[in-house]
Structure formats: C-alpha cells, structure tokens
C-alpha cells in the first residue's frame, strides 16, 4: 500500500474520531452534570487523543489532516437510545480499525491502530454498561427549547469555539514553528474548555447547544496563520465584552468576561509569534 492510500485510510479514521467526539460531547451536555456525563466526556477526550495521533501520522506521511466530521449516529428519542447508538458507533470503529490494521503494512502505523482499537473495544463495553445504567436510573434529556437572544448568543459562542478549535489544531499540525505548534495546541485546549462552559450554561438555562462550526482558515504559512487567528480573537473578544454588558445575570456576566480575557490573552500570544516570524 502506497502513502497516498494510507493517508486516505487514516483520514477516514480521523474523520470518524471527529464525529465520535461531537456525538459524545452532545450526549454528555444533554444529560447535565453528574457521574455519567463525566464518564462520557472522558471517552470523548480519549477520542481526541486518537484524532491527535492520527493527524500526526498523516502529516508524517506528507498528507493533510481532514477537517471533515465523519460517521455519527444522532437519532433516538430517549437517553437509552443514545447509548445504544454509541455502542453501534464503537462497533463500526472496531470493524474499521480491524480492517485497516490488516490492510496497512507499516509496522509503526499498525501498532498505533492496534492501540486505538483496544480503546474502542473498551468504549463499546462502557456504553453497553451505560445503556443499563441510564435505564435503571431513568435519566432524561434535560435540554430545553428556549430560543431567545441570550440562547442565540451562547450558541454563537459555541460555533466560534468549535471553529477555532479545528483551526488551531490544524495549524498546529501544519506549522514548522515549534513555538507556534505548542501555543496553538495549548490555546485549542483552552477553546475546548470554553465550548464546554458555554454548552453547560446553555443547558442550564433550558437551551439546546448547537455544536456546528463555520469556515476554518486552512492557510499553511505561519505568519498568515497568526494574522488570521489574531483577527478572529479580537472579533470574538469584542463580542463577549458586548454580551457581558448586555446581561443582568451575574453568572453569565462573569463567564463572558472570563472568555473575553482569555481571547485577549490569545491575541497577545499569537502577536508575539507573529513578531518573531516577521522579524
């Protein structure tokens, strides 16, 4: 199997990891705080680690990591249905990785896929257990149908955070600047925290988180990356500041101001990298 074929296979796996992350986070947010939500989020973090490993291998092979979102199973009226769908998603992943391990000759890549396969088999067992746990504890979807301006603002924030998570992760893989790579990874993790804070707050006010993204800047020049990132961070910092001034809710005001301050920090970090690139 040549490198092009391996890159295609690994990008398919990466896309499916991406889909699993969003599916599992959506379920965790929808059932609210508690032990089960934490366990599902932990599984989502393991899928993020898989995505990271796959992207690194793809870049090492001379490819470009895909930003597409792969297979998802989002149907189901009850929480038990969601957990059953998660079992099915993991079964699909197990089948896919098993086939890819057989098809790929490279021993290093086979070893990585076998490592990921082991996790997916464990996840399947976890979700099979969660089906029983959800039914036993009669867990319900706690999202609401509120759709006022505040809900729209929070969902706008989620959309932004999801977009820059993808953008910074992609840039971290593609830049040749070690400092930029480190900071982009760090700030992507910070943006993941933001997405979680916003989604949890939204569910808490009877809203429904919409985890979708807008266009992701895929430039591969480090200086251009930083210029793009600085522009988007300045824009969103201003939007969070405006949202903070418009709400009378102390908790929301505090959240928006904290997000604003984090985004302004990102502006400064990216600004330092840009100066070094231009200097």
Protein backbone atom coordinates (compact mmCIF):
# COMPACT_ATOMS: atom_id res chain seq x y z
CA UNK A 1 0.00 0.00 0.00
CA UNK A 2 1.45 3.39 -1.00
CA UNK A 3 1.46 6.55 1.13
CA UNK A 4 -1.50 8.10 -0.68
CA UNK A 5 -3.70 5.11 0.09
CA UNK A 6 -2.58 5.08 3.73
CA UNK A 7 -3.33 8.79 4.08
CA UNK A 8 -6.84 8.24 2.69
CA UNK A 9 -7.49 5.40 5.14
CA UNK A 10 -6.11 7.32 8.12
CA UNK A 11 -8.09 10.44 7.22
CA UNK A 12 -11.24 8.33 7.17
CA UNK A 13 -10.39 7.13 10.67
CA UNK A 14 -9.64 10.71 11.75
CA UNK A 15 -12.99 11.94 10.42
CA UNK A 16 -14.81 9.22 12.33
CA UNK A 17 -12.96 10.13 15.54
CA UNK A 18 -14.09 13.72 14.96
CA UNK A 19 -17.70 12.56 14.58
CA UNK A 20 -17.49 10.46 17.75
CA UNK A 21 -16.13 13.40 19.76
CA UNK A 22 -19.06 15.62 18.82
CA UNK A 23 -21.63 12.85 19.31
CA UNK A 24 -20.38 12.00 22.79
CA UNK A 25 -20.00 15.62 23.92
CA UNK A 26 -23.55 16.34 22.74
CA UNK A 27 -24.83 13.46 24.86
CA UNK A 28 -22.80 14.50 27.90
CA UNK A 29 -24.07 18.08 27.77
CA UNK A 30 -27.68 16.95 27.22
CA UNK A 31 -27.87 14.87 30.40
CA UNK A 32 -26.39 17.58 32.61
CA UNK A 33 -23.85 17.38 35.40
CA UNK A 34 -23.16 14.07 37.09
CA UNK A 35 -21.05 10.94 37.05
CA UNK A 36 -22.28 9.60 33.73
CA UNK A 37 -21.72 12.90 31.90
CA UNK A 38 -18.15 12.96 33.25
CA UNK A 39 -17.54 9.39 32.08
CA UNK A 40 -18.82 10.18 28.58
CA UNK A 41 -16.67 13.31 28.42
CA UNK A 42 -13.66 11.19 29.43
CA UNK A 43 -14.36 8.89 26.48
CA UNK A 44 -14.61 11.93 24.19
CA UNK A 45 -11.19 13.06 25.42
CA UNK A 46 -9.75 9.66 24.52
CA UNK A 47 -11.20 10.06 21.03
CA UNK A 48 -9.49 13.48 20.87
CA UNK A 49 -6.21 11.77 21.68
CA UNK A 50 -6.83 9.30 18.84
CA UNK A 51 -7.51 12.18 16.45
CA UNK A 52 -4.25 13.80 17.51
CA UNK A 53 -2.23 10.64 16.93
CA UNK A 54 -3.81 10.04 13.53
CA UNK A 55 -3.21 13.62 12.41
CA UNK A 56 0.46 13.41 13.37
CA UNK A 57 0.93 10.22 11.35
CA UNK A 58 -0.88 11.75 8.36
CA UNK A 59 1.45 14.76 8.43
CA UNK A 60 4.49 12.49 8.80
CA UNK A 61 3.35 10.69 5.64
CA UNK A 62 3.18 14.00 3.78
CA UNK A 63 -0.60 14.36 3.93
CA UNK A 64 -3.03 16.98 5.20
CA UNK A 65 -5.37 16.09 8.08
CA UNK A 66 -9.05 16.22 7.13
CA UNK A 67 -11.34 18.59 8.99
CA UNK A 68 -14.50 16.77 7.92
CA UNK A 69 -16.79 15.24 10.51
CA UNK A 70 -17.30 11.53 9.89
CA UNK A 71 -19.89 8.97 10.89
CA UNK A 72 -22.38 9.97 13.59
CA UNK A 73 -25.49 8.30 14.98
CA UNK A 74 -27.53 11.15 16.42
CA UNK A 75 -31.07 9.77 16.42
CA UNK A 76 -33.06 8.46 19.34
CA UNK A 77 -35.85 9.90 21.47
CA UNK A 78 -34.56 8.57 24.79
CA UNK A 79 -31.18 8.66 26.51
CA UNK A 80 -31.07 4.85 26.35
CA UNK A 81 -31.34 5.15 22.55
CA UNK A 82 -28.33 7.48 22.54
CA UNK A 83 -26.23 4.98 24.48
CA UNK A 84 -27.28 2.20 22.10
CA UNK A 85 -26.23 4.42 19.19
CA UNK A 86 -22.88 4.95 20.91
CA UNK A 87 -22.44 1.18 21.12
CA UNK A 88 -23.17 0.93 17.40
CA UNK A 89 -20.72 3.74 16.64
CA UNK A 90 -17.98 1.93 18.56
CA UNK A 91 -18.78 -1.33 16.79
CA UNK A 92 -18.33 0.47 13.47
CA UNK A 93 -14.99 1.86 14.67
CA UNK A 94 -13.84 -1.60 15.77
CA UNK A 95 -14.75 -3.04 12.39
CA UNK A 96 -12.98 -0.20 10.56
CA UNK A 97 -9.76 -0.33 12.58
CA UNK A 98 -9.63 -4.13 12.34
CA UNK A 99 -9.82 -3.91 8.54
CA UNK A 100 -7.24 -1.12 8.36
CA UNK A 101 -4.78 -2.99 10.57
CA UNK A 102 -4.93 -5.89 8.12
CA UNK A 103 -4.60 -3.64 5.07
CA UNK A 104 -1.64 -1.48 6.20
CA UNK A 105 1.87 -2.95 6.12
CA UNK A 106 3.75 -0.24 8.03
CA UNK A 107 4.54 -1.73 11.49
CA UNK A 108 4.52 1.63 13.29
CA UNK A 109 1.08 2.54 11.91
CA UNK A 110 -0.29 -0.95 12.59
CA UNK A 111 0.89 -0.64 16.19
CA UNK A 112 -0.87 2.73 16.58
CA UNK A 113 -4.12 1.42 15.10
CA UNK A 114 -3.99 -1.62 17.38
CA UNK A 115 -3.61 0.74 20.34
CA UNK A 116 -6.65 2.75 19.23
CA UNK A 117 -8.62 -0.44 18.57
CA UNK A 118 -8.05 -1.51 22.17
CA UNK A 119 -9.60 1.76 23.37
CA UNK A 120 -12.61 1.40 21.07
CA UNK A 121 -13.28 -2.10 22.38
CA UNK A 122 -13.22 -0.71 25.90
CA UNK A 123 -15.54 2.15 24.92
CA UNK A 124 -18.04 -0.31 23.48
CA UNK A 125 -18.16 -2.10 26.83
CA UNK A 126 -18.57 1.21 28.65
CA UNK A 127 -21.54 2.23 26.52
CA UNK A 128 -23.15 -1.20 26.87
CA UNK A 129 -22.96 -0.63 30.63
CA UNK A 130 -24.35 2.89 30.22
CA UNK A 131 -27.43 1.53 28.40
CA UNK A 132 -28.31 -0.42 31.53
CA UNK A 133 -27.35 2.44 33.87
CA UNK A 134 -29.45 5.02 32.03
CA UNK A 135 -32.49 2.73 32.01
CA UNK A 136 -32.06 1.87 35.69
CA UNK A 137 -31.68 5.48 36.79
CA UNK A 138 -34.30 6.77 34.32
CA UNK A 139 -32.04 9.52 33.01
CA UNK A 140 -33.61 12.13 30.77
CA UNK A 141 -32.63 14.73 28.23
CA UNK A 142 -32.59 17.98 30.23
CA UNK A 143 -32.22 20.34 27.27
CA UNK A 144 -35.00 22.85 26.71
CA UNK A 145 -36.46 24.75 23.77
CA UNK A 146 -35.63 28.29 24.85
CA UNK A 147 -34.61 30.34 21.80
CA UNK A 148 -34.25 33.98 22.82
CA UNK A 149 -31.34 36.34 22.13
CA UNK A 150 -29.28 35.00 25.04
CA UNK A 151 -29.55 31.45 23.72
CA UNK A 152 -28.53 32.68 20.28
CA UNK A 153 -25.50 34.44 21.78
CA UNK A 154 -24.39 31.33 23.65
CA UNK A 155 -24.81 29.18 20.54
CA UNK A 156 -22.86 31.76 18.56
CA UNK A 157 -20.08 31.37 21.13
CA UNK A 158 -20.16 27.58 20.76
CA UNK A 159 -19.94 27.94 16.98
CA UNK A 160 -16.92 30.21 17.32
CA UNK A 161 -15.16 27.97 19.84
CA UNK A 162 -15.69 24.86 17.71
CA UNK A 163 -14.36 26.68 14.65
CA UNK A 164 -11.17 27.88 16.30
CA UNK A 165 -10.56 24.51 17.95
CA UNK A 166 -10.42 22.97 14.47
CA UNK A 167 -8.42 25.91 13.11
CA UNK A 168 -5.77 25.86 15.82
CA UNK A 169 -5.40 22.07 15.79
CA UNK A 170 -4.99 22.10 12.00
CA UNK A 171 -2.45 24.91 12.17
CA UNK A 172 -0.52 23.14 14.93
CA UNK A 173 -0.07 20.13 12.66
CA UNK A 174 0.89 22.20 9.63
CA UNK A 175 3.28 24.81 11.05
CA UNK A 176 7.04 24.17 11.15
CA UNK A 177 7.48 26.66 14.03
CA UNK A 178 7.84 24.70 17.33
CA UNK A 179 6.70 27.64 19.48
CA UNK A 180 3.64 28.20 17.30
CA UNK A 181 2.86 24.49 17.41
CA UNK A 182 2.98 24.42 21.21
CA UNK A 183 0.89 27.56 21.66
CA UNK A 184 -1.70 26.51 19.09
CA UNK A 185 -2.16 23.18 20.88
CA UNK A 186 -2.43 24.95 24.24
CA UNK A 187 -4.95 27.52 23.01
CA UNK A 188 -7.02 24.82 21.27
CA UNK A 189 -7.32 23.05 24.63
CA UNK A 190 -8.40 26.35 26.20
CA UNK A 191 -11.04 26.81 23.49
CA UNK A 192 -12.32 23.29 24.22
CA UNK A 193 -12.86 24.40 27.81
CA UNK A 194 -14.76 27.43 26.55
CA UNK A 195 -17.05 25.28 24.42
CA UNK A 196 -17.87 23.12 27.44
CA UNK A 197 -18.57 26.12 29.67
CA UNK A 198 -20.91 27.64 27.09
CA UNK A 199 -22.75 24.39 26.39
CA UNK A 200 -23.26 23.65 30.08
CA UNK A 201 -24.50 27.18 30.71
CA UNK A 202 -26.87 26.91 27.77
CA UNK A 203 -28.40 23.67 29.03
CA UNK A 204 -28.67 25.27 32.46
CA UNK A 205 -30.98 27.99 31.11
CA UNK A 206 -33.16 25.49 29.17
CA UNK A 207 -31.42 25.95 25.84
CA UNK A 208 -30.09 23.42 23.35
CA UNK A 209 -26.38 23.56 22.40
CA UNK A 210 -25.78 23.53 18.65
CA UNK A 211 -22.28 22.20 18.04
CA UNK A 212 -21.57 23.35 14.49
CA UNK A 213 -18.70 25.35 13.03
CA UNK A 214 -18.15 27.95 10.33
CA UNK A 215 -15.35 28.16 7.76
CA UNK A 216 -11.96 27.09 9.07
CA UNK A 217 -8.93 29.02 7.80
CA UNK A 218 -6.53 26.41 6.41
CA UNK A 219 -3.55 28.57 5.47
CA UNK A 220 -0.19 26.82 5.94
CA UNK A 221 2.07 29.88 6.28
CA UNK A 222 2.76 30.51 9.97
CA UNK A 223 2.66 34.31 9.76
CA UNK A 224 -0.64 34.18 7.87
CA UNK A 225 -1.97 31.75 10.46
CA UNK A 226 -1.20 34.21 13.23
CA UNK A 227 -2.75 37.14 11.38
CA UNK A 228 -5.94 35.15 10.86
CA UNK A 229 -6.03 33.98 14.46
CA UNK A 230 -5.42 37.46 15.87
CA UNK A 231 -8.24 38.89 13.76
CA UNK A 232 -10.77 36.29 14.85
CA UNK A 233 -9.73 36.52 18.52
CA UNK A 234 -10.12 40.31 18.53
CA UNK A 235 -13.55 40.00 16.96
CA UNK A 236 -14.81 37.43 19.46
CA UNK A 237 -13.31 39.28 22.45
CA UNK A 238 -15.34 42.31 21.44
CA UNK A 239 -18.47 40.17 21.07
CA UNK A 240 -18.04 38.59 24.51
CA UNK A 241 -17.49 42.03 26.03
CA UNK A 242 -20.71 43.26 24.43
CA UNK A 243 -22.60 40.19 25.68
CA UNK A 244 -21.31 40.80 29.20
CA UNK A 245 -22.56 44.38 29.13
CA UNK A 246 -25.99 43.32 27.86
CA UNK A 247 -26.80 40.69 30.51
CA UNK A 248 -28.05 41.27 34.05
CA UNK A 249 -27.23 37.70 35.09
CA UNK A 250 -24.11 37.84 37.33
CA UNK A 251 -23.05 34.30 36.43
CA UNK A 252 -23.31 34.92 32.70
CA UNK A 253 -21.57 38.28 33.00
CA UNK A 254 -18.68 36.62 34.80
CA UNK A 255 -18.47 33.89 32.14
CA UNK A 256 -18.49 36.32 29.21
CA UNK A 257 -15.81 38.49 30.81
CA UNK A 258 -13.65 35.49 31.55
CA UNK A 259 -13.97 34.33 27.95
CA UNK A 260 -13.14 37.86 26.74
CA UNK A 261 -10.00 37.96 28.85
CA UNK A 262 -8.87 34.55 27.60
CA UNK A 263 -9.35 35.61 23.97
CA UNK A 264 -7.35 38.80 24.57
CA UNK A 265 -4.58 36.65 26.05
CA UNK A 266 -4.61 34.56 22.86
CA UNK A 267 -4.24 37.77 20.83
CA UNK A 268 -1.06 38.63 22.74
CA UNK A 269 0.38 35.12 22.45
CA UNK A 270 -0.24 34.97 18.72
CA UNK A 271 1.07 38.52 18.37
CA UNK A 272 4.41 37.50 19.88
CA UNK A 273 4.71 34.60 17.44
CA UNK A 274 3.85 36.88 14.51
CA UNK A 275 6.52 39.39 15.54
CA UNK A 276 9.12 36.61 15.67
CA UNK A 277 8.04 35.34 12.23
CA UNK A 278 8.22 38.84 10.73
CA UNK A 279 11.45 39.76 12.49
